[in-house]
């Protein structure tokens, strides 16, 4: 099943919202990856059923979208810094 851009953004939004509920530590670097994955697994399983994909596919989509979001934010920040006079 090929997902639309909107579907992928929806997956990112829903997993992030779920993470805000179940992961008490806001800084992911302070929470082991295994703990993060275990905490997010129920929502990813729900999404996998909804979109008729595997949990692994949902995870990959989530990671791809998250990476893209971070890269875009960094690019925007760099653009702003490039236009500032120090």
N, C-alpha and C. Protein backbone atom coordinates (compact mmCIF):
# COMPACT_ATOMS: atom_id res chain seq x y z
N UNK A 1 0.84 -1.18 0.00
CA UNK A 1 0.00 0.00 0.00
C UNK A 1 0.89 1.25 0.00
N UNK A 2 0.68 2.11 -0.95
CA UNK A 2 1.44 3.36 -1.03
C UNK A 2 0.69 4.43 -0.24
N UNK A 3 1.40 5.04 0.69
CA UNK A 3 0.79 6.06 1.53
C UNK A 3 1.00 7.44 0.94
N UNK A 4 0.01 8.28 1.16
CA UNK A 4 0.14 9.68 0.72
C UNK A 4 1.03 10.44 1.70
N UNK A 5 1.45 11.59 1.28
CA UNK A 5 2.24 12.46 2.15
C UNK A 5 1.46 12.77 3.44
N UNK A 6 0.16 13.02 3.27
CA UNK A 6 -0.70 13.32 4.42
C UNK A 6 -0.76 12.13 5.39
N UNK A 7 -0.86 10.91 4.86
CA UNK A 7 -0.86 9.72 5.72
C UNK A 7 0.44 9.62 6.51
N UNK A 8 1.56 9.87 5.85
CA UNK A 8 2.86 9.81 6.52
C UNK A 8 2.99 10.88 7.60
N UNK A 9 2.50 12.08 7.29
CA UNK A 9 2.52 13.14 8.29
C UNK A 9 1.62 12.80 9.47
N UNK A 10 0.50 12.15 9.19
CA UNK A 10 -0.42 11.72 10.23
C UNK A 10 0.25 10.69 11.14
N UNK A 11 1.00 9.77 10.57
CA UNK A 11 1.73 8.77 11.35
C UNK A 11 2.72 9.47 12.28
N UNK A 12 3.49 10.40 11.73
CA UNK A 12 4.45 11.15 12.54
C UNK A 12 3.75 11.88 13.69
N UNK A 13 2.68 12.56 13.38
CA UNK A 13 1.95 13.33 14.39
C UNK A 13 1.39 12.42 15.48
N UNK A 14 0.81 11.32 15.08
CA UNK A 14 0.20 10.42 16.06
C UNK A 14 1.23 9.73 16.95
N UNK A 15 2.34 9.31 16.36
CA UNK A 15 3.38 8.66 17.17
C UNK A 15 3.99 9.69 18.12
N UNK A 16 4.23 10.90 17.65
CA UNK A 16 4.79 11.94 18.52
C UNK A 16 3.83 12.29 19.66
N UNK A 17 2.54 12.38 19.37
CA UNK A 17 1.55 12.67 20.41
C UNK A 17 1.51 11.54 21.43
N UNK A 18 1.57 10.32 20.95
CA UNK A 18 1.58 9.16 21.84
C UNK A 18 2.85 9.17 22.69
N UNK A 19 3.97 9.49 22.08
CA UNK A 19 5.24 9.55 22.82
C UNK A 19 5.16 10.58 23.94
N UNK A 20 4.51 11.71 23.67
CA UNK A 20 4.36 12.74 24.70
C UNK A 20 3.59 12.21 25.91
N UNK A 21 2.68 11.27 25.66
CA UNK A 21 1.88 10.70 26.74
C UNK A 21 2.62 9.63 27.53
N UNK A 22 3.38 8.79 26.84
CA UNK A 22 3.93 7.60 27.50
C UNK A 22 5.40 7.70 27.87
N UNK A 23 6.11 8.65 27.34
CA UNK A 23 7.53 8.81 27.67
C UNK A 23 7.70 10.04 28.56
N UNK A 24 8.00 9.81 29.81
CA UNK A 24 8.09 10.94 30.74
C UNK A 24 9.27 11.88 30.47
N UNK A 25 10.35 11.36 29.97
CA UNK A 25 11.55 12.16 29.69
C UNK A 25 11.42 12.78 28.30
N UNK A 26 11.49 14.09 28.22
CA UNK A 26 11.35 14.80 26.94
C UNK A 26 12.59 14.71 26.06
N UNK A 27 13.73 14.46 26.66
CA UNK A 27 14.97 14.38 25.90
C UNK A 27 15.23 12.93 25.50
N UNK A 28 15.02 12.59 24.19
CA UNK A 28 15.19 11.20 23.77
C UNK A 28 16.60 10.65 23.97
N UNK A 29 17.58 11.55 24.05
CA UNK A 29 18.96 11.07 24.24
C UNK A 29 19.16 10.50 25.65
N UNK A 30 18.24 10.79 26.55
CA UNK A 30 18.35 10.29 27.92
C UNK A 30 17.56 9.00 28.14
N UNK A 31 16.82 8.57 27.13
CA UNK A 31 16.01 7.35 27.23
C UNK A 31 16.57 6.33 26.24
N UNK A 32 16.94 5.15 26.72
CA UNK A 32 17.47 4.13 25.80
C UNK A 32 16.49 3.83 24.66
N UNK A 33 17.04 3.58 23.49
CA UNK A 33 16.23 3.31 22.30
C UNK A 33 15.24 2.16 22.56
N UNK A 34 15.70 1.11 23.18
CA UNK A 34 14.83 -0.05 23.46
C UNK A 34 13.62 0.37 24.28
N UNK A 35 13.81 1.22 25.27
CA UNK A 35 12.71 1.71 26.10
C UNK A 35 11.75 2.54 25.26
N UNK A 36 12.30 3.39 24.40
CA UNK A 36 11.46 4.21 23.53
C UNK A 36 10.62 3.33 22.61
N UNK A 37 11.25 2.35 21.99
CA UNK A 37 10.53 1.47 21.07
C UNK A 37 9.45 0.67 21.78
N UNK A 38 9.77 0.16 22.95
CA UNK A 38 8.77 -0.60 23.71
C UNK A 38 7.58 0.28 24.07
N UNK A 39 7.85 1.52 24.43
CA UNK A 39 6.78 2.44 24.80
C UNK A 39 5.90 2.81 23.60
N UNK A 40 6.52 2.94 22.43
CA UNK A 40 5.78 3.36 21.23
C UNK A 40 5.11 2.21 20.48
N UNK A 41 5.48 1.00 20.81
CA UNK A 41 4.99 -0.16 20.07
C UNK A 41 3.47 -0.27 20.00
N UNK A 42 2.74 -0.04 21.10
CA UNK A 42 1.27 -0.15 20.98
C UNK A 42 0.66 0.79 19.93
N UNK A 43 1.14 2.02 19.88
CA UNK A 43 0.61 2.95 18.87
C UNK A 43 1.04 2.55 17.47
N UNK A 44 2.26 2.08 17.33
CA UNK A 44 2.72 1.63 16.01
C UNK A 44 1.95 0.40 15.55
N UNK A 45 1.61 -0.49 16.47
CA UNK A 45 0.79 -1.65 16.11
C UNK A 45 -0.60 -1.21 15.66
N UNK A 46 -1.16 -0.25 16.35
CA UNK A 46 -2.47 0.29 15.98
C UNK A 46 -2.42 0.90 14.58
N UNK A 47 -1.40 1.68 14.32
CA UNK A 47 -1.24 2.29 13.00
C UNK A 47 -1.01 1.25 11.92
N UNK A 48 -0.24 0.22 12.24
CA UNK A 48 0.03 -0.85 11.27
C UNK A 48 -1.27 -1.52 10.84
N UNK A 49 -2.14 -1.79 11.78
CA UNK A 49 -3.44 -2.39 11.44
C UNK A 49 -4.27 -1.43 10.61
N UNK A 50 -4.30 -0.18 11.01
CA UNK A 50 -5.09 0.82 10.32
C UNK A 50 -4.66 1.00 8.86
N UNK A 51 -3.35 1.01 8.64
CA UNK A 51 -2.83 1.24 7.28
C UNK A 51 -2.48 -0.06 6.55
N UNK A 52 -2.75 -1.18 7.21
CA UNK A 52 -2.47 -2.50 6.64
C UNK A 52 -1.00 -2.64 6.25
N UNK A 53 -0.15 -2.28 7.19
CA UNK A 53 1.30 -2.38 7.01
C UNK A 53 1.87 -3.13 8.20
N UNK A 54 3.15 -3.47 8.10
CA UNK A 54 3.82 -4.10 9.24
C UNK A 54 4.25 -3.01 10.22
N UNK A 55 4.49 -3.41 11.45
CA UNK A 55 4.99 -2.48 12.45
C UNK A 55 6.34 -1.92 11.99
N UNK A 56 7.13 -2.75 11.35
CA UNK A 56 8.43 -2.31 10.85
C UNK A 56 8.27 -1.20 9.82
N UNK A 57 7.27 -1.36 8.93
CA UNK A 57 7.03 -0.32 7.92
C UNK A 57 6.61 1.00 8.58
N UNK A 58 5.77 0.91 9.59
CA UNK A 58 5.35 2.12 10.32
C UNK A 58 6.56 2.78 10.96
N UNK A 59 7.42 1.98 11.56
CA UNK A 59 8.62 2.51 12.20
C UNK A 59 9.50 3.23 11.18
N UNK A 60 9.69 2.62 10.03
CA UNK A 60 10.52 3.23 8.98
C UNK A 60 9.91 4.54 8.50
N UNK A 61 8.60 4.56 8.28
CA UNK A 61 7.93 5.79 7.86
C UNK A 61 8.11 6.86 8.92
N UNK A 62 7.90 6.47 10.17
CA UNK A 62 8.05 7.42 11.28
C UNK A 62 9.47 7.99 11.32
N UNK A 63 10.45 7.13 11.23
CA UNK A 63 11.84 7.60 11.30
C UNK A 63 12.18 8.49 10.10
N UNK A 64 11.73 8.11 8.91
CA UNK A 64 11.98 8.93 7.72
C UNK A 64 11.36 10.32 7.86
N UNK A 65 10.11 10.36 8.31
CA UNK A 65 9.42 11.64 8.46
C UNK A 65 10.05 12.47 9.57
N UNK A 66 10.45 11.82 10.65
CA UNK A 66 11.09 12.54 11.75
C UNK A 66 12.44 13.12 11.30
N UNK A 67 13.20 12.34 10.57
CA UNK A 67 14.48 12.81 10.05
C UNK A 67 14.28 14.00 9.12
N UNK A 68 13.29 13.91 8.27
CA UNK A 68 12.99 15.00 7.34
C UNK A 68 12.58 16.27 8.10
N UNK A 69 11.78 16.10 9.12
CA UNK A 69 11.32 17.24 9.92
C UNK A 69 12.50 17.93 10.62
N UNK A 70 13.38 17.13 11.20
CA UNK A 70 14.55 17.68 11.88
C UNK A 70 15.46 18.40 10.87
N UNK A 71 15.67 17.78 9.72
CA UNK A 71 16.53 18.39 8.69
C UNK A 71 15.94 19.72 8.21
N UNK A 72 14.62 19.77 8.02
CA UNK A 72 13.98 21.02 7.60
C UNK A 72 14.12 22.10 8.66
N UNK A 73 13.95 21.73 9.92
CA UNK A 73 14.09 22.71 11.01
C UNK A 73 15.52 23.23 11.08
N UNK A 74 16.49 22.35 10.92
CA UNK A 74 17.89 22.77 10.94
C UNK A 74 18.20 23.68 9.76
N UNK A 75 17.65 23.37 8.60
CA UNK A 75 17.87 24.19 7.42
C UNK A 75 17.27 25.58 7.60
N UNK A 76 16.07 25.65 8.17
CA UNK A 76 15.44 26.94 8.43
C UNK A 76 16.25 27.76 9.43
N UNK A 77 16.73 27.10 10.48
CA UNK A 77 17.55 27.78 11.46
C UNK A 77 18.83 28.30 10.83
N UNK A 78 19.47 27.48 10.01
CA UNK A 78 20.70 27.91 9.35
C UNK A 78 20.45 29.10 8.44
N UNK A 79 19.33 29.09 7.72
CA UNK A 79 18.98 30.22 6.86
C UNK A 79 18.81 31.50 7.67
N UNK A 80 18.16 31.39 8.82
CA UNK A 80 17.99 32.56 9.68
C UNK A 80 19.33 33.05 10.20
N UNK A 81 20.17 32.13 10.61
CA UNK A 81 21.50 32.52 11.12
C UNK A 81 22.35 33.15 10.04
N UNK A 82 22.21 32.67 8.81
CA UNK A 82 22.98 33.23 7.70
C UNK A 82 22.60 34.68 7.39
N UNK A 83 21.37 35.04 7.71
CA UNK A 83 20.92 36.40 7.41
C UNK A 83 21.14 37.36 8.59
N UNK A 84 21.57 36.87 9.71
CA UNK A 84 21.80 37.73 10.88
C UNK A 84 23.20 38.30 10.87
N UNK A 85 23.29 39.53 11.36
CA UNK A 85 24.59 40.16 11.51
C UNK A 85 25.04 39.97 12.97
N UNK A 86 26.25 39.50 13.13
CA UNK A 86 26.79 39.31 14.47
C UNK A 86 27.89 40.27 14.74
